[in-house]
């Protein structure tokens, strides 16, 4: 029992010693205001948070997320190629890409992709 408590004490001392060494080594030698402040989409974090936000930027971000999620759905289709026949795979993939292209055409025709307006 005494041997186990001595080992525990040694482990705690070594852990504390390593924490002190790491904290001494990892300190920055200079403080830079720009590098230490957070960066949020080009807004200055020191100013007011109630600045007008571009709705067009938000719509583009949502469109990107939608298409990004749909692209991740392609990976299971690729993995299922081994399980189904090539003809069925071709039909499913064609329908999926057609839906993606129709969504892109709809966004284009609605003018959501035009930055100038």
PDB file of N, CA and C in Angstrom:
ATOM      1  N   UNK A   1       0.818  -1.196   0.000  1.00  0.00           N
ATOM      2  CA  UNK A   1       0.000   0.000   0.000  1.00  0.00           C
ATOM      3  C   UNK A   1       0.860   1.257   0.000  1.00  0.00           C
ATOM      4  N   UNK A   2       1.930   1.232   0.771  1.00  0.00           N
ATOM      5  CA  UNK A   2       2.842   2.367   0.839  1.00  0.00           C
ATOM      6  C   UNK A   2       3.539   2.583  -0.498  1.00  0.00           C
ATOM      7  N   UNK A   3       3.881   1.487  -1.158  1.00  0.00           N
ATOM      8  CA  UNK A   3       4.544   1.553  -2.460  1.00  0.00           C
ATOM      9  C   UNK A   3       3.622   2.208  -3.502  1.00  0.00           C
ATOM     10  N   UNK A   4       2.340   1.895  -3.434  1.00  0.00           N
ATOM     11  CA  UNK A   4       1.366   2.457  -4.373  1.00  0.00           C
ATOM     12  C   UNK A   4       1.183   3.957  -4.142  1.00  0.00           C
ATOM     13  N   UNK A   5       1.160   4.381  -2.888  1.00  0.00           N
ATOM     14  CA  UNK A   5       0.998   5.810  -2.605  1.00  0.00           C
ATOM     15  C   UNK A   5       2.250   6.591  -2.998  1.00  0.00           C
ATOM     16  N   UNK A   6       3.425   6.010  -2.855  1.00  0.00           N
ATOM     17  CA  UNK A   6       4.661   6.676  -3.292  1.00  0.00           C
ATOM     18  C   UNK A   6       4.664   6.824  -4.810  1.00  0.00           C
ATOM     19  N   UNK A   7       4.206   5.785  -5.510  1.00  0.00           N
ATOM     20  CA  UNK A   7       4.138   5.876  -6.973  1.00  0.00           C
ATOM     21  C   UNK A   7       3.146   6.954  -7.404  1.00  0.00           C
ATOM     22  N   UNK A   8       2.016   7.053  -6.730  1.00  0.00           N
ATOM     23  CA  UNK A   8       1.040   8.095  -7.035  1.00  0.00           C
ATOM     24  C   UNK A   8       1.608   9.480  -6.805  1.00  0.00           C
ATOM     25  N   UNK A   9       2.343   9.645  -5.707  1.00  0.00           N
ATOM     26  CA  UNK A   9       2.975  10.925  -5.413  1.00  0.00           C
ATOM     27  C   UNK A   9       4.015  11.289  -6.464  1.00  0.00           C
ATOM     28  N   UNK A  10       4.803  10.308  -6.889  1.00  0.00           N
ATOM     29  CA  UNK A  10       5.807  10.542  -7.935  1.00  0.00           C
ATOM     30  C   UNK A  10       5.122  10.952  -9.241  1.00  0.00           C
ATOM     31  N   UNK A  11       4.017  10.297  -9.577  1.00  0.00           N
ATOM     32  CA  UNK A  11       3.290  10.647 -10.802  1.00  0.00           C
ATOM     33  C   UNK A  11       2.735  12.067 -10.738  1.00  0.00           C
ATOM     34  N   UNK A  12       2.219  12.464  -9.599  1.00  0.00           N
ATOM     35  CA  UNK A  12       1.698  13.829  -9.452  1.00  0.00           C
ATOM     36  C   UNK A  12       2.821  14.850  -9.565  1.00  0.00           C
ATOM     37  N   UNK A  13       3.969  14.575  -8.950  1.00  0.00           N
ATOM     38  CA  UNK A  13       5.108  15.501  -9.022  1.00  0.00           C
ATOM     39  C   UNK A  13       5.614  15.613 -10.460  1.00  0.00           C
ATOM     40  N   UNK A  14       5.723  14.492 -11.163  1.00  0.00           N
ATOM     41  CA  UNK A  14       6.185  14.533 -12.553  1.00  0.00           C
ATOM     42  C   UNK A  14       5.187  15.293 -13.422  1.00  0.00           C
ATOM     43  N   UNK A  15       3.894  15.082 -13.203  1.00  0.00           N
ATOM     44  CA  UNK A  15       2.875  15.797 -13.977  1.00  0.00           C
ATOM     45  C   UNK A  15       2.951  17.294 -13.745  1.00  0.00           C
ATOM     46  N   UNK A  16       3.087  17.695 -12.498  1.00  0.00           N
ATOM     47  CA  UNK A  16       3.192  19.119 -12.188  1.00  0.00           C
ATOM     48  C   UNK A  16       4.457  19.717 -12.787  1.00  0.00           C
ATOM     49  N   UNK A  17       5.550  18.993 -12.728  1.00  0.00           N
ATOM     50  CA  UNK A  17       6.807  19.465 -13.300  1.00  0.00           C
ATOM     51  C   UNK A  17       6.672  19.654 -14.814  1.00  0.00           C
ATOM     52  N   UNK A  18       6.025  18.703 -15.479  1.00  0.00           N
ATOM     53  CA  UNK A  18       5.819  18.837 -16.919  1.00  0.00           C
ATOM     54  C   UNK A  18       4.899  20.010 -17.249  1.00  0.00           C
ATOM     55  N   UNK A  19       3.864  20.228 -16.453  1.00  0.00           N
ATOM     56  CA  UNK A  19       2.981  21.375 -16.677  1.00  0.00           C
ATOM     57  C   UNK A  19       3.727  22.697 -16.550  1.00  0.00           C
ATOM     58  N   UNK A  20       4.600  22.808 -15.564  1.00  0.00           N
ATOM     59  CA  UNK A  20       5.372  24.034 -15.370  1.00  0.00           C
ATOM     60  C   UNK A  20       6.335  24.239 -16.532  1.00  0.00           C
ATOM     61  N   UNK A  21       7.006  23.178 -16.960  1.00  0.00           N
ATOM     62  CA  UNK A  21       7.962  23.294 -18.073  1.00  0.00           C
ATOM     63  C   UNK A  21       7.251  23.702 -19.359  1.00  0.00           C
ATOM     64  N   UNK A  22       6.119  23.077 -19.638  1.00  0.00           N
ATOM     65  CA  UNK A  22       5.381  23.408 -20.862  1.00  0.00           C
ATOM     66  C   UNK A  22       4.868  24.841 -20.820  1.00  0.00           C
ATOM     67  N   UNK A  23       4.373  25.284 -19.677  1.00  0.00           N
ATOM     68  CA  UNK A  23       3.867  26.654 -19.599  1.00  0.00           C
ATOM     69  C   UNK A  23       4.991  27.677 -19.741  1.00  0.00           C
ATOM     70  N   UNK A  24       6.198  27.343 -19.278  1.00  0.00           N
ATOM     71  CA  UNK A  24       7.319  28.258 -19.447  1.00  0.00           C
ATOM     72  C   UNK A  24       7.806  28.297 -20.891  1.00  0.00           C
ATOM     73  N   UNK A  25       7.799  27.172 -21.556  1.00  0.00           N
ATOM     74  CA  UNK A  25       8.289  27.106 -22.932  1.00  0.00           C
ATOM     75  C   UNK A  25       7.308  27.738 -23.913  1.00  0.00           C
ATOM     76  N   UNK A  26       6.016  27.575 -23.647  1.00  0.00           N
ATOM     77  CA  UNK A  26       5.025  27.991 -24.636  1.00  0.00           C
ATOM     78  C   UNK A  26       4.640  29.460 -24.556  1.00  0.00           C
ATOM     79  N   UNK A  27       5.183  30.226 -23.666  1.00  0.00           N
ATOM     80  CA  UNK A  27       4.842  31.644 -23.569  1.00  0.00           C
ATOM     81  C   UNK A  27       5.352  32.382 -24.795  1.00  0.00           C
ATOM     82  N   UNK A  28       4.505  33.294 -25.290  1.00  0.00           N
ATOM     83  CA  UNK A  28       4.928  34.111 -26.423  1.00  0.00           C
ATOM     84  C   UNK A  28       5.889  35.182 -25.923  1.00  0.00           C
ATOM     85  N   UNK A  29       6.849  35.506 -26.776  1.00  0.00           N
ATOM     86  CA  UNK A  29       7.838  36.503 -26.372  1.00  0.00           C
ATOM     87  C   UNK A  29       7.335  37.927 -26.586  1.00  0.00           C
ATOM     88  N   UNK A  30       6.358  38.117 -27.446  1.00  0.00           N
ATOM     89  CA  UNK A  30       5.807  39.447 -27.669  1.00  0.00           C
ATOM     90  C   UNK A  30       4.289  39.335 -27.779  1.00  0.00           C
ATOM     91  N   UNK A  31       3.620  40.396 -27.449  1.00  0.00           N
ATOM     92  CA  UNK A  31       2.157  40.419 -27.505  1.00  0.00           C
ATOM     93  C   UNK A  31       1.758  41.284 -28.692  1.00  0.00           C
ATOM     94  N   UNK A  32       1.000  40.697 -29.599  1.00  0.00           N
ATOM     95  CA  UNK A  32       0.530  41.397 -30.782  1.00  0.00           C
ATOM     96  C   UNK A  32      -0.988  41.506 -30.700  1.00  0.00           C
ATOM     97  N   UNK A  33      -1.509  42.717 -30.720  1.00  0.00           N
ATOM     98  CA  UNK A  33      -2.947  42.927 -30.578  1.00  0.00           C
ATOM     99  C   UNK A  33      -3.726  42.290 -31.722  1.00  0.00           C
ATOM    100  N   UNK A  34      -3.207  42.374 -32.924  1.00  0.00           N
ATOM    101  CA  UNK A  34      -3.922  41.834 -34.079  1.00  0.00           C
ATOM    102  C   UNK A  34      -3.998  40.314 -34.048  1.00  0.00           C
ATOM    103  N   UNK A  35      -2.918  39.683 -33.618  1.00  0.00           N
ATOM    104  CA  UNK A  35      -2.911  38.221 -33.596  1.00  0.00           C
ATOM    105  C   UNK A  35      -3.686  37.652 -32.421  1.00  0.00           C
ATOM    106  N   UNK A  36      -3.792  38.398 -31.350  1.00  0.00           N
ATOM    107  CA  UNK A  36      -4.496  37.875 -30.180  1.00  0.00           C
ATOM    108  C   UNK A  36      -5.986  38.150 -30.223  1.00  0.00           C
ATOM    109  N   UNK A  37      -6.447  39.000 -31.132  1.00  0.00           N
ATOM    110  CA  UNK A  37      -7.883  39.286 -31.215  1.00  0.00           C
ATOM    111  C   UNK A  37      -8.560  38.316 -32.179  1.00  0.00           C
ATOM    112  N   UNK A  38      -9.806  37.960 -31.914  1.00  0.00           N
ATOM    113  CA  UNK A  38     -10.522  37.045 -32.811  1.00  0.00           C
ATOM    114  C   UNK A  38     -10.876  37.736 -34.116  1.00  0.00           C
ATOM    115  N   UNK A  39     -11.005  36.957 -35.163  1.00  0.00           N
ATOM    116  CA  UNK A  39     -11.350  37.490 -36.479  1.00  0.00           C
ATOM    117  C   UNK A  39     -12.675  36.882 -36.900  1.00  0.00           C
ATOM    118  N   UNK A  40     -13.679  37.706 -37.117  1.00  0.00           N
ATOM    119  CA  UNK A  40     -15.006  37.231 -37.488  1.00  0.00           C
ATOM    120  C   UNK A  40     -15.434  37.871 -38.798  1.00  0.00           C
ATOM    121  N   UNK A  41     -15.186  37.221 -39.892  1.00  0.00           N
ATOM    122  CA  UNK A  41     -15.701  37.615 -41.210  1.00  0.00           C
ATOM    123  C   UNK A  41     -15.390  39.061 -41.576  1.00  0.00           C
ATOM    124  N   UNK A  42     -14.250  39.552 -41.200  1.00  0.00           N
ATOM    125  CA  UNK A  42     -13.862  40.898 -41.582  1.00  0.00           C
ATOM    126  C   UNK A  42     -14.383  41.984 -40.669  1.00  0.00           C
ATOM    127  N   UNK A  43     -15.144  41.654 -39.649  1.00  0.00           N
ATOM    128  CA  UNK A  43     -15.650  42.658 -38.722  1.00  0.00           C
ATOM    129  C   UNK A  43     -14.647  42.870 -37.602  1.00  0.00           C
ATOM    130  N   UNK A  44     -14.507  44.112 -37.194  1.00  0.00           N
ATOM    131  CA  UNK A  44     -13.629  44.423 -36.073  1.00  0.00           C
ATOM    132  C   UNK A  44     -14.336  44.027 -34.781  1.00  0.00           C
ATOM    133  N   UNK A  45     -13.751  43.130 -33.975  1.00  0.00           N
ATOM    134  CA  UNK A  45     -14.449  42.691 -32.760  1.00  0.00           C
ATOM    135  C   UNK A  45     -14.546  43.773 -31.691  1.00  0.00           C
ATOM    136  N   UNK A  46     -13.801  44.852 -31.823  1.00  0.00           N
ATOM    137  CA  UNK A  46     -13.833  45.915 -30.827  1.00  0.00           C
ATOM    138  C   UNK A  46     -14.957  46.913 -31.090  1.00  0.00           C
ATOM    139  N   UNK A  47     -15.554  46.884 -32.287  1.00  0.00           N
ATOM    140  CA  UNK A  47     -16.609  47.838 -32.618  1.00  0.00           C
ATOM    141  C   UNK A  47     -17.976  47.250 -32.262  1.00  0.00           C
ATOM    142  N   UNK A  48     -19.012  47.955 -32.617  1.00  0.00           N
ATOM    143  CA  UNK A  48     -20.376  47.538 -32.305  1.00  0.00           C
ATOM    144  C   UNK A  48     -20.744  46.279 -33.078  1.00  0.00           C
ATOM    145  N   UNK A  49     -21.484  45.404 -32.426  1.00  0.00           N
ATOM    146  CA  UNK A  49     -21.901  44.155 -33.070  1.00  0.00           C
ATOM    147  C   UNK A  49     -23.162  44.335 -33.892  1.00  0.00           C
ATOM    148  N   UNK A  50     -23.746  45.495 -33.887  1.00  0.00           N
ATOM    149  CA  UNK A  50     -25.001  45.742 -34.589  1.00  0.00           C
ATOM    150  C   UNK A  50     -24.784  46.416 -35.945  1.00  0.00           C
ATOM    151  N   UNK A  51     -23.779  45.983 -36.666  1.00  0.00           N
ATOM    152  CA  UNK A  51     -23.532  46.514 -38.001  1.00  0.00           C
ATOM    153  C   UNK A  51     -24.425  45.808 -39.009  1.00  0.00           C
ATOM    154  N   UNK A  52     -24.786  46.481 -40.097  1.00  0.00           N
ATOM    155  CA  UNK A  52     -25.614  45.807 -41.106  1.00  0.00           C
ATOM    156  C   UNK A  52     -24.846  44.654 -41.749  1.00  0.00           C
ATOM    157  N   UNK A  53     -25.531  43.543 -41.921  1.00  0.00           N
ATOM    158  CA  UNK A  53     -24.915  42.340 -42.478  1.00  0.00           C
ATOM    159  C   UNK A  53     -25.485  42.099 -43.863  1.00  0.00           C
ATOM    160  N   UNK A  54     -24.637  41.741 -44.777  1.00  0.00           N
ATOM    161  CA  UNK A  54     -25.069  41.517 -46.147  1.00  0.00           C
ATOM    162  C   UNK A  54     -25.905  40.243 -46.240  1.00  0.00           C
ATOM    163  N   UNK A  55     -27.154  40.405 -46.630  1.00  0.00           N
ATOM    164  CA  UNK A  55     -28.040  39.259 -46.783  1.00  0.00           C
ATOM    165  C   UNK A  55     -27.592  38.399 -47.962  1.00  0.00           C
ATOM    166  N   UNK A  56     -27.005  39.028 -48.952  1.00  0.00           N
ATOM    167  CA  UNK A  56     -26.531  38.276 -50.118  1.00  0.00           C
ATOM    168  C   UNK A  56     -25.400  37.325 -49.722  1.00  0.00           C
ATOM    169  N   UNK A  57     -24.507  37.780 -48.871  1.00  0.00           N
ATOM    170  CA  UNK A  57     -23.433  36.916 -48.380  1.00  0.00           C
ATOM    171  C   UNK A  57     -24.017  35.723 -47.633  1.00  0.00           C
ATOM    172  N   UNK A  58     -25.044  35.966 -46.825  1.00  0.00           N
ATOM    173  CA  UNK A  58     -25.696  34.889 -46.083  1.00  0.00           C
ATOM    174  C   UNK A  58     -26.331  33.878 -47.032  1.00  0.00           C
ATOM    175  N   UNK A  59     -26.998  34.338 -48.094  1.00  0.00           N
ATOM    176  CA  UNK A  59     -27.633  33.428 -49.055  1.00  0.00           C
ATOM    177  C   UNK A  59     -26.589  32.583 -49.786  1.00  0.00           C
ATOM    178  N   UNK A  60     -25.483  33.187 -50.145  1.00  0.00           N
ATOM    179  CA  UNK A  60     -24.417  32.429 -50.809  1.00  0.00           C
ATOM    180  C   UNK A  60     -23.866  31.367 -49.862  1.00  0.00           C
ATOM    181  N   UNK A  61     -23.724  31.699 -48.589  1.00  0.00           N
ATOM    182  CA  UNK A  61     -23.227  30.719 -47.616  1.00  0.00           C
ATOM    183  C   UNK A  61     -24.207  29.560 -47.465  1.00  0.00           C
ATOM    184  N   UNK A  62     -25.501  29.850 -47.449  1.00  0.00           N
ATOM    185  CA  UNK A  62     -26.508  28.793 -47.342  1.00  0.00           C
ATOM    186  C   UNK A  62     -26.490  27.913 -48.588  1.00  0.00           C
ATOM    187  N   UNK A  63     -26.373  28.515 -49.760  1.00  0.00           N
ATOM    188  CA  UNK A  63     -26.297  27.730 -51.002  1.00  0.00           C
ATOM    189  C   UNK A  63     -25.066  26.835 -50.976  1.00  0.00           C
ATOM    190  N   UNK A  64     -23.948  27.382 -50.528  1.00  0.00           N
ATOM    191  CA  UNK A  64     -22.735  26.576 -50.427  1.00  0.00           C
ATOM    192  C   UNK A  64     -22.944  25.386 -49.498  1.00  0.00           C
ATOM    193  N   UNK A  65     -23.564  25.618 -48.340  1.00  0.00           N
ATOM    194  CA  UNK A  65     -23.801  24.528 -47.399  1.00  0.00           C
ATOM    195  C   UNK A  65     -24.714  23.460 -47.987  1.00  0.00           C
ATOM    196  N   UNK A  66     -25.746  23.880 -48.698  1.00  0.00           N
ATOM    197  CA  UNK A  66     -26.666  22.911 -49.301  1.00  0.00           C
ATOM    198  C   UNK A  66     -25.929  22.041 -50.308  1.00  0.00           C
ATOM    199  N   UNK A  67     -25.165  22.659 -51.198  1.00  0.00           N
ATOM    200  CA  UNK A  67     -24.457  21.878 -52.203  1.00  0.00           C
ATOM    201  C   UNK A  67     -23.320  21.059 -51.583  1.00  0.00           C
ATOM    202  N   UNK A  68     -22.738  21.561 -50.510  1.00  0.00           N
ATOM    203  CA  UNK A  68     -21.687  20.811 -49.839  1.00  0.00           C
ATOM    204  C   UNK A  68     -22.252  19.547 -49.194  1.00  0.00           C
ATOM    205  N   UNK A  69     -23.410  19.653 -48.584  1.00  0.00           N
ATOM    206  CA  UNK A  69     -24.044  18.479 -47.990  1.00  0.00           C
ATOM    207  C   UNK A  69     -24.453  17.489 -49.070  1.00  0.00           C
ATOM    208  N   UNK A  70     -24.921  17.987 -50.185  1.00  0.00           N
ATOM    209  CA  UNK A  70     -25.300  17.080 -51.270  1.00  0.00           C
ATOM    210  C   UNK A  70     -24.086  16.374 -51.861  1.00  0.00           C
ATOM    211  N   UNK A  71     -22.966  17.038 -51.892  1.00  0.00           N
ATOM    212  CA  UNK A  71     -21.755  16.389 -52.390  1.00  0.00           C
ATOM    213  C   UNK A  71     -21.323  15.278 -51.441  1.00  0.00           C
ATOM    214  N   UNK A  72     -21.507  15.485 -50.145  1.00  0.00           N
ATOM    215  CA  UNK A  72     -21.146  14.418 -49.211  1.00  0.00           C
ATOM    216  C   UNK A  72     -22.058  13.210 -49.355  1.00  0.00           C
ATOM    217  N   UNK A  73     -23.227  13.404 -49.930  1.00  0.00           N
ATOM    218  CA  UNK A  73     -24.115  12.272 -50.183  1.00  0.00           C
ATOM    219  C   UNK A  73     -23.627  11.417 -51.351  1.00  0.00           C
ATOM    220  N   UNK A  74     -22.689  11.945 -52.126  1.00  0.00           N
ATOM    221  CA  UNK A  74     -22.144  11.159 -53.235  1.00  0.00           C
ATOM    222  C   UNK A  74     -21.241  10.030 -52.751  1.00  0.00           C
ATOM    223  N   UNK A  75     -20.610  10.185 -51.610  1.00  0.00           N
ATOM    224  CA  UNK A  75     -19.691   9.166 -51.120  1.00  0.00           C
ATOM    225  C   UNK A  75     -20.364   7.823 -50.855  1.00  0.00           C
ATOM    226  N   UNK A  76     -21.540   7.779 -50.207  1.00  0.00           N
ATOM    227  CA  UNK A  76     -22.192   6.467 -50.063  1.00  0.00           C
ATOM    228  C   UNK A  76     -22.593   5.864 -51.405  1.00  0.00           C
ATOM    229  N   UNK A  77     -22.911   6.707 -52.375  1.00  0.00           N
ATOM    230  CA  UNK A  77     -23.243   6.177 -53.705  1.00  0.00           C
ATOM    231  C   UNK A  77     -22.027   5.509 -54.338  1.00  0.00           C
ATOM    232  N   UNK A  78     -20.875   6.089 -54.137  1.00  0.00           N
ATOM    233  CA  UNK A  78     -19.654   5.499 -54.676  1.00  0.00           C
ATOM    234  C   UNK A  78     -19.363   4.166 -53.999  1.00  0.00           C
ATOM    235  N   UNK A  79     -19.586   4.114 -52.681  1.00  0.00           N
ATOM    236  CA  UNK A  79     -19.335   2.875 -51.957  1.00  0.00           C
ATOM    237  C   UNK A  79     -20.350   1.788 -52.315  1.00  0.00           C
ATOM    238  N   UNK A  80     -21.556   2.198 -52.698  1.00  0.00           N
ATOM    239  CA  UNK A  80     -22.576   1.208 -53.049  1.00  0.00           C
ATOM    240  C   UNK A  80     -22.410   0.690 -54.475  1.00  0.00           C
ATOM    241  N   UNK A  81     -21.456   1.188 -55.208  1.00  0.00           N
ATOM    242  CA  UNK A  81     -21.217   0.709 -56.565  1.00  0.00           C
ATOM    243  C   UNK A  81     -20.882  -0.777 -56.578  1.00  0.00           C
ATOM    244  N   UNK A  82     -20.213  -1.240 -55.536  1.00  0.00           N
ATOM    245  CA  UNK A  82     -19.848  -2.654 -55.458  1.00  0.00           C
ATOM    246  C   UNK A  82     -21.069  -3.546 -55.237  1.00  0.00           C
ATOM    247  N   UNK A  83     -22.121  -2.986 -54.634  1.00  0.00           N
ATOM    248  CA  UNK A  83     -23.276  -3.795 -54.265  1.00  0.00           C
ATOM    249  C   UNK A  83     -24.358  -3.848 -55.344  1.00  0.00           C
ATOM    250  N   UNK A  84     -24.417  -2.859 -56.208  1.00  0.00           N
ATOM    251  CA  UNK A  84     -25.482  -2.832 -57.215  1.00  0.00           C
ATOM    252  C   UNK A  84     -24.894  -2.976 -58.619  1.00  0.00           C
ATOM    253  N   UNK A  85     -25.792  -3.156 -59.558  1.00  0.00           N
ATOM    254  CA  UNK A  85     -25.336  -3.294 -60.942  1.00  0.00           C
ATOM    255  C   UNK A  85     -24.937  -1.929 -61.499  1.00  0.00           C
ATOM    256  N   UNK A  86     -24.053  -1.888 -62.462  1.00  0.00           N
ATOM    257  CA  UNK A  86     -23.602  -0.601 -63.009  1.00  0.00           C
ATOM    258  C   UNK A  86     -24.747   0.200 -63.645  1.00  0.00           C
ATOM    259  N   UNK A  87     -25.732  -0.470 -64.205  1.00  0.00           N
ATOM    260  CA  UNK A  87     -26.839   0.253 -64.831  1.00  0.00           C
ATOM    261  C   UNK A  87     -27.676   0.967 -63.767  1.00  0.00           C
ATOM    262  N   UNK A  88     -28.004   0.281 -62.679  1.00  0.00           N
ATOM    263  CA  UNK A  88     -28.762   0.922 -61.597  1.00  0.00           C
ATOM    264  C   UNK A  88     -27.976   2.078 -60.995  1.00  0.00           C
ATOM    265  N   UNK A  89     -26.704   1.889 -60.835  1.00  0.00           N
ATOM    266  CA  UNK A  89     -25.846   2.936 -60.298  1.00  0.00           C
ATOM    267  C   UNK A  89     -25.845   4.148 -61.222  1.00  0.00           C
ATOM    268  N   UNK A  90     -25.768   3.918 -62.512  1.00  0.00           N
ATOM    269  CA  UNK A  90     -25.773   5.012 -63.481  1.00  0.00           C
ATOM    270  C   UNK A  90     -27.087   5.786 -63.422  1.00  0.00           C
ATOM    271  N   UNK A  91     -28.200   5.096 -63.296  1.00  0.00           N
ATOM    272  CA  UNK A  91     -29.503   5.761 -63.231  1.00  0.00           C
ATOM    273  C   UNK A  91     -29.606   6.613 -61.962  1.00  0.00           C
ATOM    274  N   UNK A  92     -29.223   6.050 -60.821  1.00  0.00           N
ATOM    275  CA  UNK A  92     -29.303   6.784 -59.554  1.00  0.00           C
ATOM    276  C   UNK A  92     -28.381   8.003 -59.579  1.00  0.00           C
ATOM    277  N   UNK A  93     -27.175   7.832 -60.081  1.00  0.00           N
ATOM    278  CA  UNK A  93     -26.222   8.934 -60.128  1.00  0.00           C
ATOM    279  C   UNK A  93     -26.692  10.019 -61.093  1.00  0.00           C
ATOM    280  N   UNK A  94     -27.289   9.629 -62.213  1.00  0.00           N
ATOM    281  CA  UNK A  94     -27.790  10.604 -63.174  1.00  0.00           C
ATOM    282  C   UNK A  94     -28.927  11.418 -62.567  1.00  0.00           C
ATOM    283  N   UNK A  95     -29.834  10.775 -61.858  1.00  0.00           N
ATOM    284  CA  UNK A  95     -30.939  11.490 -61.213  1.00  0.00           C
ATOM    285  C   UNK A  95     -30.403  12.444 -60.151  1.00  0.00           C
ATOM    286  N   UNK A  96     -29.439  11.989 -59.368  1.00  0.00           N
ATOM    287  CA  UNK A  96     -28.873  12.828 -58.309  1.00  0.00           C
ATOM    288  C   UNK A  96     -28.187  14.062 -58.881  1.00  0.00           C
ATOM    289  N   UNK A  97     -27.379  13.876 -59.904  1.00  0.00           N
ATOM    290  CA  UNK A  97     -26.674  15.015 -60.505  1.00  0.00           C
ATOM    291  C   UNK A  97     -27.656  15.927 -61.235  1.00  0.00           C
ATOM    292  N   UNK A  98     -28.712  15.364 -61.809  1.00  0.00           N
ATOM    293  CA  UNK A  98     -29.739  16.183 -62.447  1.00  0.00           C
ATOM    294  C   UNK A  98     -30.439  17.072 -61.415  1.00  0.00           C
ATOM    295  N   UNK A  99     -30.743  16.531 -60.249  1.00  0.00           N
ATOM    296  CA  UNK A  99     -31.346  17.344 -59.184  1.00  0.00           C
ATOM    297  C   UNK A  99     -30.397  18.454 -58.761  1.00  0.00           C
ATOM    298  N   UNK A 100     -29.097  18.147 -58.643  1.00  0.00           N
ATOM    299  CA  UNK A 100     -28.117  19.183 -58.303  1.00  0.00           C
ATOM    300  C   UNK A 100     -28.072  20.282 -59.367  1.00  0.00           C
ATOM    301  N   UNK A 101     -28.059  19.893 -60.614  1.00  0.00           N
ATOM    302  CA  UNK A 101     -28.004  20.875 -61.698  1.00  0.00           C
ATOM    303  C   UNK A 101     -29.278  21.700 -61.776  1.00  0.00           C
ATOM    304  N   UNK A 102     -30.436  21.088 -61.524  1.00  0.00           N
ATOM    305  CA  UNK A 102     -31.685  21.843 -61.519  1.00  0.00           C
ATOM    306  C   UNK A 102     -31.692  22.863 -60.379  1.00  0.00           C
ATOM    307  N   UNK A 103     -31.192  22.478 -59.212  1.00  0.00           N
ATOM    308  CA  UNK A 103     -31.100  23.428 -58.106  1.00  0.00           C
ATOM    309  C   UNK A 103     -30.163  24.576 -58.421  1.00  0.00           C
ATOM    310  N   UNK A 104     -29.030  24.270 -59.041  1.00  0.00           N
ATOM    311  CA  UNK A 104     -28.086  25.316 -59.429  1.00  0.00           C
ATOM    312  C   UNK A 104     -28.690  26.241 -60.476  1.00  0.00           C
ATOM    313  N   UNK A 105     -29.400  25.677 -61.463  1.00  0.00           N
ATOM    314  CA  UNK A 105     -30.052  26.500 -62.484  1.00  0.00           C
ATOM    315  C   UNK A 105     -31.128  27.390 -61.873  1.00  0.00           C
ATOM    316  N   UNK A 106     -31.874  26.845 -60.907  1.00  0.00           N
ATOM    317  CA  UNK A 106     -32.907  27.644 -60.244  1.00  0.00           C
ATOM    318  C   UNK A 106     -32.288  28.824 -59.492  1.00  0.00           C
ATOM    319  N   UNK A 107     -31.199  28.586 -58.759  1.00  0.00           N
ATOM    320  CA  UNK A 107     -30.523  29.673 -58.052  1.00  0.00           C
ATOM    321  C   UNK A 107     -29.960  30.702 -59.023  1.00  0.00           C
ATOM    322  N   UNK A 108     -29.459  30.233 -60.140  1.00  0.00           N
ATOM    323  CA  UNK A 108     -28.908  31.144 -61.152  1.00  0.00           C
ATOM    324  C   UNK A 108     -30.017  31.991 -61.767  1.00  0.00           C
ATOM    325  N   UNK A 109     -31.160  31.357 -62.087  1.00  0.00           N
ATOM    326  CA  UNK A 109     -32.243  32.102 -62.704  1.00  0.00           C
ATOM    327  C   UNK A 109     -32.906  33.070 -61.727  1.00  0.00           C
ATOM    328  N   UNK A 110     -32.862  32.797 -60.423  1.00  0.00           N
ATOM    329  CA  UNK A 110     -33.415  33.708 -59.431  1.00  0.00           C
ATOM    330  C   UNK A 110     -32.478  34.879 -59.135  1.00  0.00           C
ATOM    331  N   UNK A 111     -31.246  34.788 -59.618  1.00  0.00           N
ATOM    332  CA  UNK A 111     -30.286  35.873 -59.434  1.00  0.00           C
ATOM    333  C   UNK A 111     -29.540  35.810 -58.105  1.00  0.00           C
ATOM    334  N   UNK A 112     -29.586  34.678 -57.435  1.00  0.00           N
ATOM    335  CA  UNK A 112     -28.910  34.560 -56.142  1.00  0.00           C
ATOM    336  C   UNK A 112     -27.399  34.488 -56.289  1.00  0.00           C
ATOM    337  N   UNK A 113     -26.909  34.190 -57.471  1.00  0.00           N
ATOM    338  CA  UNK A 113     -25.468  34.069 -57.686  1.00  0.00           C
ATOM    339  C   UNK A 113     -24.831  35.335 -58.257  1.00  0.00           C
ATOM    340  N   UNK A 114     -25.624  36.374 -58.483  1.00  0.00           N
ATOM    341  CA  UNK A 114     -25.102  37.633 -59.022  1.00  0.00           C
ATOM    342  C   UNK A 114     -24.620  38.511 -57.879  1.00  0.00           C
ATOM    343  N   UNK A 115     -23.321  38.822 -57.886  1.00  0.00           N
ATOM    344  CA  UNK A 115     -22.762  39.660 -56.828  1.00  0.00           C
ATOM    345  C   UNK A 115     -22.986  41.143 -57.079  1.00  0.00           C
ATOM    346  N   UNK A 116     -23.230  41.534 -58.308  1.00  0.00           N
ATOM    347  CA  UNK A 116     -23.318  42.944 -58.635  1.00  0.00           C
ATOM    348  C   UNK A 116     -24.630  43.567 -58.184  1.00  0.00           C
ATOM    349  N   UNK A 117     -25.685  42.795 -58.004  1.00  0.00           N
ATOM    350  CA  UNK A 117     -26.973  43.399 -57.632  1.00  0.00           C
ATOM    351  C   UNK A 117     -27.138  43.543 -56.141  1.00  0.00           C
TER     352      UNK A 117
END
